Amino acid sequence: MSIKFIDMFSGIGGFRSGLEAVGGFECVGYCEIDKYAKKAYEAIYDTKGELYFEDARTINPTDLPDIDLIVGGFPC
């Protein structure tokens, strides 16, 4: 069983890289407002089937899947 997480303020995925290197984590969604960072993130990671949120300020909590962890790449 993996720990499901959402990658907030993802940038190009530094936090995600660390979690994937450790193992046992599954990214189910990500949030990034910068279009160039999003493009890089999607080139680095297979995001097929993951939720995408452009702006954290507009996320409705009821739209979030069942998750165990929220990570954030501050101060991006």
PDB file of N, CA and C in Angstrom:
ATOM      1  N   MET A   1       0.841  -1.183   0.000  1.00  0.00           N
ATOM      2  CA  MET A   1       0.000   0.000   0.000  1.00  0.00           C
ATOM      3  C   MET A   1       0.886   1.246   0.000  1.00  0.00           C
ATOM      4  N   SER A   2       0.601   2.155  -0.905  1.00  0.00           N
ATOM      5  CA  SER A   2       1.405   3.365  -0.994  1.00  0.00           C
ATOM      6  C   SER A   2       0.711   4.537  -0.308  1.00  0.00           C
ATOM      7  N   ILE A   3       1.507   5.537   0.025  1.00  0.00           N
ATOM      8  CA  ILE A   3       0.996   6.778   0.603  1.00  0.00           C
ATOM      9  C   ILE A   3       0.647   7.702  -0.557  1.00  0.00           C
ATOM     10  N   LYS A   4      -0.623   8.074  -0.658  1.00  0.00           N
ATOM     11  CA  LYS A   4      -1.089   8.929  -1.752  1.00  0.00           C
ATOM     12  C   LYS A   4      -0.923  10.391  -1.360  1.00  0.00           C
ATOM     13  N   PHE A   5      -0.340  11.169  -2.294  1.00  0.00           N
ATOM     14  CA  PHE A   5      -0.104  12.579  -1.988  1.00  0.00           C
ATOM     15  C   PHE A   5      -0.462  13.492  -3.147  1.00  0.00           C
ATOM     16  N   ILE A   6      -0.673  14.751  -2.802  1.00  0.00           N
ATOM     17  CA  ILE A   6      -0.879  15.838  -3.772  1.00  0.00           C
ATOM     18  C   ILE A   6       0.354  16.727  -3.694  1.00  0.00           C
ATOM     19  N   ASP A   7       0.894  17.074  -4.844  1.00  0.00           N
ATOM     20  CA  ASP A   7       2.097  17.902  -4.940  1.00  0.00           C
ATOM     21  C   ASP A   7       1.683  19.354  -5.211  1.00  0.00           C
ATOM     22  N   MET A   8       1.608  20.157  -4.147  1.00  0.00           N
ATOM     23  CA  MET A   8       1.200  21.555  -4.271  1.00  0.00           C
ATOM     24  C   MET A   8       2.413  22.445  -4.570  1.00  0.00           C
ATOM     25  N   PHE A   9       2.176  23.503  -5.335  1.00  0.00           N
ATOM     26  CA  PHE A   9       3.243  24.440  -5.706  1.00  0.00           C
ATOM     27  C   PHE A   9       4.427  23.617  -6.230  1.00  0.00           C
ATOM     28  N   SER A  10       4.136  22.738  -7.150  1.00  0.00           N
ATOM     29  CA  SER A  10       5.056  21.663  -7.547  1.00  0.00           C
ATOM     30  C   SER A  10       6.328  22.118  -8.245  1.00  0.00           C
ATOM     31  N   GLY A  11       6.311  23.285  -8.869  1.00  0.00           N
ATOM     32  CA  GLY A  11       7.499  23.689  -9.613  1.00  0.00           C
ATOM     33  C   GLY A  11       7.832  22.632 -10.640  1.00  0.00           C
ATOM     34  N   ILE A  12       9.078  22.167 -10.660  1.00  0.00           N
ATOM     35  CA  ILE A  12       9.437  21.094 -11.594  1.00  0.00           C
ATOM     36  C   ILE A  12       9.520  19.741 -10.884  1.00  0.00           C
ATOM     37  N   GLY A  13       9.036  19.681  -9.647  1.00  0.00           N
ATOM     38  CA  GLY A  13       8.880  18.396  -8.983  1.00  0.00           C
ATOM     39  C   GLY A  13       9.977  17.954  -8.042  1.00  0.00           C
ATOM     40  N   GLY A  14      10.694  18.871  -7.444  1.00  0.00           N
ATOM     41  CA  GLY A  14      11.760  18.500  -6.519  1.00  0.00           C
ATOM     42  C   GLY A  14      11.276  17.665  -5.345  1.00  0.00           C
ATOM     43  N   PHE A  15      10.169  18.052  -4.756  1.00  0.00           N
ATOM     44  CA  PHE A  15       9.624  17.302  -3.623  1.00  0.00           C
ATOM     45  C   PHE A  15       9.201  15.913  -4.082  1.00  0.00           C
ATOM     46  N   ARG A  16       8.567  15.844  -5.219  1.00  0.00           N
ATOM     47  CA  ARG A  16       8.118  14.560  -5.770  1.00  0.00           C
ATOM     48  C   ARG A  16       9.303  13.642  -6.039  1.00  0.00           C
ATOM     49  N   SER A  17      10.372  14.193  -6.567  1.00  0.00           N
ATOM     50  CA  SER A  17      11.569  13.387  -6.841  1.00  0.00           C
ATOM     51  C   SER A  17      12.069  12.703  -5.581  1.00  0.00           C
ATOM     52  N   GLY A  18      12.095  13.443  -4.478  1.00  0.00           N
ATOM     53  CA  GLY A  18      12.545  12.878  -3.217  1.00  0.00           C
ATOM     54  C   GLY A  18      11.646  11.760  -2.734  1.00  0.00           C
ATOM     55  N   LEU A  19      10.337  11.966  -2.822  1.00  0.00           N
ATOM     56  CA  LEU A  19       9.398  10.940  -2.377  1.00  0.00           C
ATOM     57  C   LEU A  19       9.489   9.690  -3.242  1.00  0.00           C
ATOM     58  N   GLU A  20       9.622   9.879  -4.543  1.00  0.00           N
ATOM     59  CA  GLU A  20       9.724   8.721  -5.428  1.00  0.00           C
ATOM     60  C   GLU A  20      11.033   7.969  -5.212  1.00  0.00           C
ATOM     61  N   ALA A  21      12.100   8.688  -4.871  1.00  0.00           N
ATOM     62  CA  ALA A  21      13.386   8.041  -4.607  1.00  0.00           C
ATOM     63  C   ALA A  21      13.315   7.166  -3.358  1.00  0.00           C
ATOM     64  N   VAL A  22      12.575   7.620  -2.354  1.00  0.00           N
ATOM     65  CA  VAL A  22      12.407   6.851  -1.125  1.00  0.00           C
ATOM     66  C   VAL A  22      11.532   5.629  -1.387  1.00  0.00           C
ATOM     67  N   GLY A  23      10.502   5.807  -2.199  1.00  0.00           N
ATOM     68  CA  GLY A  23       9.575   4.727  -2.527  1.00  0.00           C
ATOM     69  C   GLY A  23       8.391   4.677  -1.589  1.00  0.00           C
ATOM     70  N   GLY A  24       7.325   4.059  -2.043  1.00  0.00           N
ATOM     71  CA  GLY A  24       6.133   3.907  -1.227  1.00  0.00           C
ATOM     72  C   GLY A  24       5.172   5.072  -1.291  1.00  0.00           C
ATOM     73  N   PHE A  25       5.403   6.009  -2.213  1.00  0.00           N
ATOM     74  CA  PHE A  25       4.538   7.170  -2.361  1.00  0.00           C
ATOM     75  C   PHE A  25       3.936   7.184  -3.757  1.00  0.00           C
ATOM     76  N   GLU A  26       2.692   7.633  -3.852  1.00  0.00           N
ATOM     77  CA  GLU A  26       2.006   7.730  -5.140  1.00  0.00           C
ATOM     78  C   GLU A  26       1.412   9.119  -5.283  1.00  0.00           C
ATOM     79  N   CYS A  27       1.834   9.840  -6.314  1.00  0.00           N
ATOM     80  CA  CYS A  27       1.292  11.169  -6.585  1.00  0.00           C
ATOM     81  C   CYS A  27      -0.049  11.006  -7.301  1.00  0.00           C
ATOM     82  N   VAL A  28      -1.090  11.616  -6.752  1.00  0.00           N
ATOM     83  CA  VAL A  28      -2.410  11.527  -7.371  1.00  0.00           C
ATOM     84  C   VAL A  28      -2.846  12.863  -7.974  1.00  0.00           C
ATOM     85  N   GLY A  29      -2.055  13.917  -7.763  1.00  0.00           N
ATOM     86  CA  GLY A  29      -2.388  15.206  -8.331  1.00  0.00           C
ATOM     87  C   GLY A  29      -1.305  16.227  -8.039  1.00  0.00           C
ATOM     88  N   TYR A  30      -1.346  17.318  -8.785  1.00  0.00           N
ATOM     89  CA  TYR A  30      -0.348  18.367  -8.614  1.00  0.00           C
ATOM     90  C   TYR A  30      -0.966  19.718  -8.930  1.00  0.00           C
ATOM     91  N   CYS A  31      -0.322  20.759  -8.428  1.00  0.00           N
ATOM     92  CA  CYS A  31      -0.804  22.121  -8.608  1.00  0.00           C
ATOM     93  C   CYS A  31       0.385  23.020  -8.934  1.00  0.00           C
ATOM     94  N   GLU A  32       0.292  23.722 -10.047  1.00  0.00           N
ATOM     95  CA  GLU A  32       1.359  24.650 -10.448  1.00  0.00           C
ATOM     96  C   GLU A  32       0.766  25.722 -11.342  1.00  0.00           C
ATOM     97  N   ILE A  33       0.977  26.968 -10.973  1.00  0.00           N
ATOM     98  CA  ILE A  33       0.411  28.086 -11.714  1.00  0.00           C
ATOM     99  C   ILE A  33       1.301  28.537 -12.880  1.00  0.00           C
ATOM    100  N   ASP A  34       2.605  28.311 -12.773  1.00  0.00           N
ATOM    101  CA  ASP A  34       3.542  28.742 -13.824  1.00  0.00           C
ATOM    102  C   ASP A  34       3.505  27.765 -14.993  1.00  0.00           C
ATOM    103  N   LYS A  35       3.167  28.272 -16.174  1.00  0.00           N
ATOM    104  CA  LYS A  35       2.986  27.381 -17.329  1.00  0.00           C
ATOM    105  C   LYS A  35       4.282  26.694 -17.766  1.00  0.00           C
ATOM    106  N   TYR A  36       5.415  27.348 -17.565  1.00  0.00           N
ATOM    107  CA  TYR A  36       6.688  26.736 -17.962  1.00  0.00           C
ATOM    108  C   TYR A  36       7.118  25.647 -16.976  1.00  0.00           C
ATOM    109  N   ALA A  37       6.894  25.891 -15.692  1.00  0.00           N
ATOM    110  CA  ALA A  37       7.186  24.863 -14.687  1.00  0.00           C
ATOM    111  C   ALA A  37       6.277  23.654 -14.902  1.00  0.00           C
ATOM    112  N   LYS A  38       5.010  23.902 -15.213  1.00  0.00           N
ATOM    113  CA  LYS A  38       4.056  22.815 -15.474  1.00  0.00           C
ATOM    114  C   LYS A  38       4.512  21.986 -16.666  1.00  0.00           C
ATOM    115  N   LYS A  39       4.952  22.644 -17.706  1.00  0.00           N
ATOM    116  CA  LYS A  39       5.422  21.944 -18.907  1.00  0.00           C
ATOM    117  C   LYS A  39       6.629  21.063 -18.583  1.00  0.00           C
ATOM    118  N   ALA A  40       7.560  21.593 -17.802  1.00  0.00           N
ATOM    119  CA  ALA A  40       8.738  20.816 -17.395  1.00  0.00           C
ATOM    120  C   ALA A  40       8.324  19.635 -16.513  1.00  0.00           C
ATOM    121  N   TYR A  41       7.426  19.878 -15.576  1.00  0.00           N
ATOM    122  CA  TYR A  41       6.940  18.837 -14.666  1.00  0.00           C
ATOM    123  C   TYR A  41       6.344  17.683 -15.472  1.00  0.00           C
ATOM    124  N   GLU A  42       5.527  18.020 -16.445  1.00  0.00           N
ATOM    125  CA  GLU A  42       4.865  16.992 -17.256  1.00  0.00           C
ATOM    126  C   GLU A  42       5.841  16.270 -18.188  1.00  0.00           C
ATOM    127  N   ALA A  43       6.955  16.910 -18.508  1.00  0.00           N
ATOM    128  CA  ALA A  43       7.981  16.244 -19.307  1.00  0.00           C
ATOM    129  C   ALA A  43       8.805  15.278 -18.458  1.00  0.00           C
ATOM    130  N   ILE A  44       8.965  15.602 -17.188  1.00  0.00           N
ATOM    131  CA  ILE A  44       9.774  14.776 -16.283  1.00  0.00           C
ATOM    132  C   ILE A  44       8.980  13.588 -15.744  1.00  0.00           C
ATOM    133  N   TYR A  45       7.706  13.814 -15.407  1.00  0.00           N
ATOM    134  CA  TYR A  45       6.883  12.792 -14.754  1.00  0.00           C
ATOM    135  C   TYR A  45       5.728  12.358 -15.641  1.00  0.00           C
ATOM    136  N   ASP A  46       5.332  11.114 -15.468  1.00  0.00           N
ATOM    137  CA  ASP A  46       4.149  10.602 -16.149  1.00  0.00           C
ATOM    138  C   ASP A  46       2.937  11.027 -15.319  1.00  0.00           C
ATOM    139  N   THR A  47       2.253  12.066 -15.761  1.00  0.00           N
ATOM    140  CA  THR A  47       1.140  12.621 -15.001  1.00  0.00           C
ATOM    141  C   THR A  47      -0.217  12.118 -15.492  1.00  0.00           C
ATOM    142  N   LYS A  48      -0.203  11.160 -16.400  1.00  0.00           N
ATOM    143  CA  LYS A  48      -1.454  10.614 -16.934  1.00  0.00           C
ATOM    144  C   LYS A  48      -2.296  10.043 -15.783  1.00  0.00           C
ATOM    145  N   GLY A  49      -3.545  10.462 -15.724  1.00  0.00           N
ATOM    146  CA  GLY A  49      -4.449   9.991 -14.689  1.00  0.00           C
ATOM    147  C   GLY A  49      -4.382  10.775 -13.391  1.00  0.00           C
ATOM    148  N   GLU A  50      -3.479  11.738 -13.301  1.00  0.00           N
ATOM    149  CA  GLU A  50      -3.371  12.567 -12.093  1.00  0.00           C
ATOM    150  C   GLU A  50      -4.213  13.821 -12.257  1.00  0.00           C
ATOM    151  N   LEU A  51      -4.744  14.307 -11.154  1.00  0.00           N
ATOM    152  CA  LEU A  51      -5.486  15.560 -11.175  1.00  0.00           C
ATOM    153  C   LEU A  51      -4.513  16.718 -11.340  1.00  0.00           C
ATOM    154  N   TYR A  52      -4.962  17.764 -12.012  1.00  0.00           N
ATOM    155  CA  TYR A  52      -4.150  18.964 -12.143  1.00  0.00           C
ATOM    156  C   TYR A  52      -4.974  20.152 -11.684  1.00  0.00           C
ATOM    157  N   PHE A  53      -4.364  20.977 -10.850  1.00  0.00           N
ATOM    158  CA  PHE A  53      -4.969  22.223 -10.402  1.00  0.00           C
ATOM    159  C   PHE A  53      -4.016  23.357 -10.768  1.00  0.00           C
ATOM    160  N   GLU A  54      -4.532  24.363 -11.467  1.00  0.00           N
ATOM    161  CA  GLU A  54      -3.681  25.482 -11.873  1.00  0.00           C
ATOM    162  C   GLU A  54      -3.408  26.438 -10.721  1.00  0.00           C
ATOM    163  N   ASP A  55      -4.423  26.726  -9.922  1.00  0.00           N
ATOM    164  CA  ASP A  55      -4.305  27.744  -8.887  1.00  0.00           C
ATOM    165  C   ASP A  55      -4.817  27.191  -7.559  1.00  0.00           C
ATOM    166  N   ALA A  56      -3.965  27.139  -6.568  1.00  0.00           N
ATOM    167  CA  ALA A  56      -4.327  26.594  -5.261  1.00  0.00           C
ATOM    168  C   ALA A  56      -5.478  27.358  -4.620  1.00  0.00           C
ATOM    169  N   ARG A  57      -5.614  28.619  -4.959  1.00  0.00           N
ATOM    170  CA  ARG A  57      -6.668  29.438  -4.360  1.00  0.00           C
ATOM    171  C   ARG A  57      -8.064  29.048  -4.833  1.00  0.00           C
ATOM    172  N   THR A  58      -8.140  28.303  -5.927  1.00  0.00           N
ATOM    173  CA  THR A  58      -9.448  27.949  -6.477  1.00  0.00           C
ATOM    174  C   THR A  58      -9.823  26.485  -6.243  1.00  0.00           C
ATOM    175  N   ILE A  59      -9.009  25.748  -5.496  1.00  0.00           N
ATOM    176  CA  ILE A  59      -9.300  24.335  -5.265  1.00  0.00           C
ATOM    177  C   ILE A  59     -10.449  24.190  -4.269  1.00  0.00           C
ATOM    178  N   ASN A  60     -11.435  23.420  -4.678  1.00  0.00           N
ATOM    179  CA  ASN A  60     -12.532  23.080  -3.781  1.00  0.00           C
ATOM    180  C   ASN A  60     -12.138  21.787  -3.077  1.00  0.00           C
ATOM    181  N   PRO A  61     -12.040  21.779  -1.764  1.00  0.00           N
ATOM    182  CA  PRO A  61     -11.611  20.575  -1.050  1.00  0.00           C
ATOM    183  C   PRO A  61     -12.417  19.328  -1.378  1.00  0.00           C
ATOM    184  N   THR A  62     -13.670  19.507  -1.764  1.00  0.00           N
ATOM    185  CA  THR A  62     -14.487  18.338  -2.113  1.00  0.00           C
ATOM    186  C   THR A  62     -14.067  17.718  -3.442  1.00  0.00           C
ATOM    187  N   ASP A  63     -13.262  18.445  -4.221  1.00  0.00           N
ATOM    188  CA  ASP A  63     -12.751  17.918  -5.494  1.00  0.00           C
ATOM    189  C   ASP A  63     -11.496  17.068  -5.313  1.00  0.00           C
ATOM    190  N   LEU A  64     -10.936  17.083  -4.116  1.00  0.00           N
ATOM    191  CA  LEU A  64      -9.713  16.321  -3.855  1.00  0.00           C
ATOM    192  C   LEU A  64     -10.033  14.841  -3.662  1.00  0.00           C
ATOM    193  N   PRO A  65      -9.173  13.984  -4.178  1.00  0.00           N
ATOM    194  CA  PRO A  65      -9.373  12.552  -3.951  1.00  0.00           C
ATOM    195  C   PRO A  65      -8.976  12.179  -2.524  1.00  0.00           C
ATOM    196  N   ASP A  66      -9.136  10.937  -2.183  1.00  0.00           N
ATOM    197  CA  ASP A  66      -8.714  10.439  -0.875  1.00  0.00           C
ATOM    198  C   ASP A  66      -7.187  10.434  -0.852  1.00  0.00           C
ATOM    199  N   ILE A  67      -6.588  11.281  -0.004  1.00  0.00           N
ATOM    200  CA  ILE A  67      -5.130  11.396   0.064  1.00  0.00           C
ATOM    201  C   ILE A  67      -4.658  11.235   1.500  1.00  0.00           C
ATOM    202  N   ASP A  68      -3.372  10.921   1.621  1.00  0.00           N
ATOM    203  CA  ASP A  68      -2.754  10.767   2.927  1.00  0.00           C
ATOM    204  C   ASP A  68      -1.845  11.940   3.283  1.00  0.00           C
ATOM    205  N   LEU A  69      -1.376  12.663   2.264  1.00  0.00           N
ATOM    206  CA  LEU A  69      -0.342  13.664   2.482  1.00  0.00           C
ATOM    207  C   LEU A  69      -0.469  14.787   1.461  1.00  0.00           C
ATOM    208  N   ILE A  70      -0.247  16.007   1.924  1.00  0.00           N
ATOM    209  CA  ILE A  70      -0.139  17.168   1.027  1.00  0.00           C
ATOM    210  C   ILE A  70       1.269  17.691   1.190  1.00  0.00           C
ATOM    211  N   VAL A  71       1.988  17.783   0.081  1.00  0.00           N
ATOM    212  CA  VAL A  71       3.340  18.330   0.120  1.00  0.00           C
ATOM    213  C   VAL A  71       3.361  19.629  -0.660  1.00  0.00           C
ATOM    214  N   GLY A  72       4.289  20.504  -0.315  1.00  0.00           N
ATOM    215  CA  GLY A  72       4.360  21.783  -1.000  1.00  0.00           C
ATOM    216  C   GLY A  72       5.790  22.234  -1.201  1.00  0.00           C
ATOM    217  N   GLY A  73       6.088  22.704  -2.383  1.00  0.00           N
ATOM    218  CA  GLY A  73       7.412  23.181  -2.715  1.00  0.00           C
ATOM    219  C   GLY A  73       7.551  24.664  -2.451  1.00  0.00           C
ATOM    220  N   PHE A  74       7.573  25.025  -1.198  1.00  0.00           N
ATOM    221  CA  PHE A  74       7.687  26.452  -0.842  1.00  0.00           C
ATOM    222  C   PHE A  74       9.136  26.899  -0.984  1.00  0.00           C
ATOM    223  N   PRO A  75       9.405  28.125  -1.339  1.00  0.00           N
ATOM    224  CA  PRO A  75       8.519  29.263  -1.537  1.00  0.00           C
ATOM    225  C   PRO A  75       8.166  29.510  -2.992  1.00  0.00           C
ATOM    226  N   CYS A  76       8.081  28.497  -3.768  1.00  0.00           N
ATOM    227  CA  CYS A  76       7.791  28.655  -5.214  1.00  0.00           C
ATOM    228  C   CYS A  76       6.629  29.546  -5.510  1.00  0.00           C
TER     229      CYS A  76
END
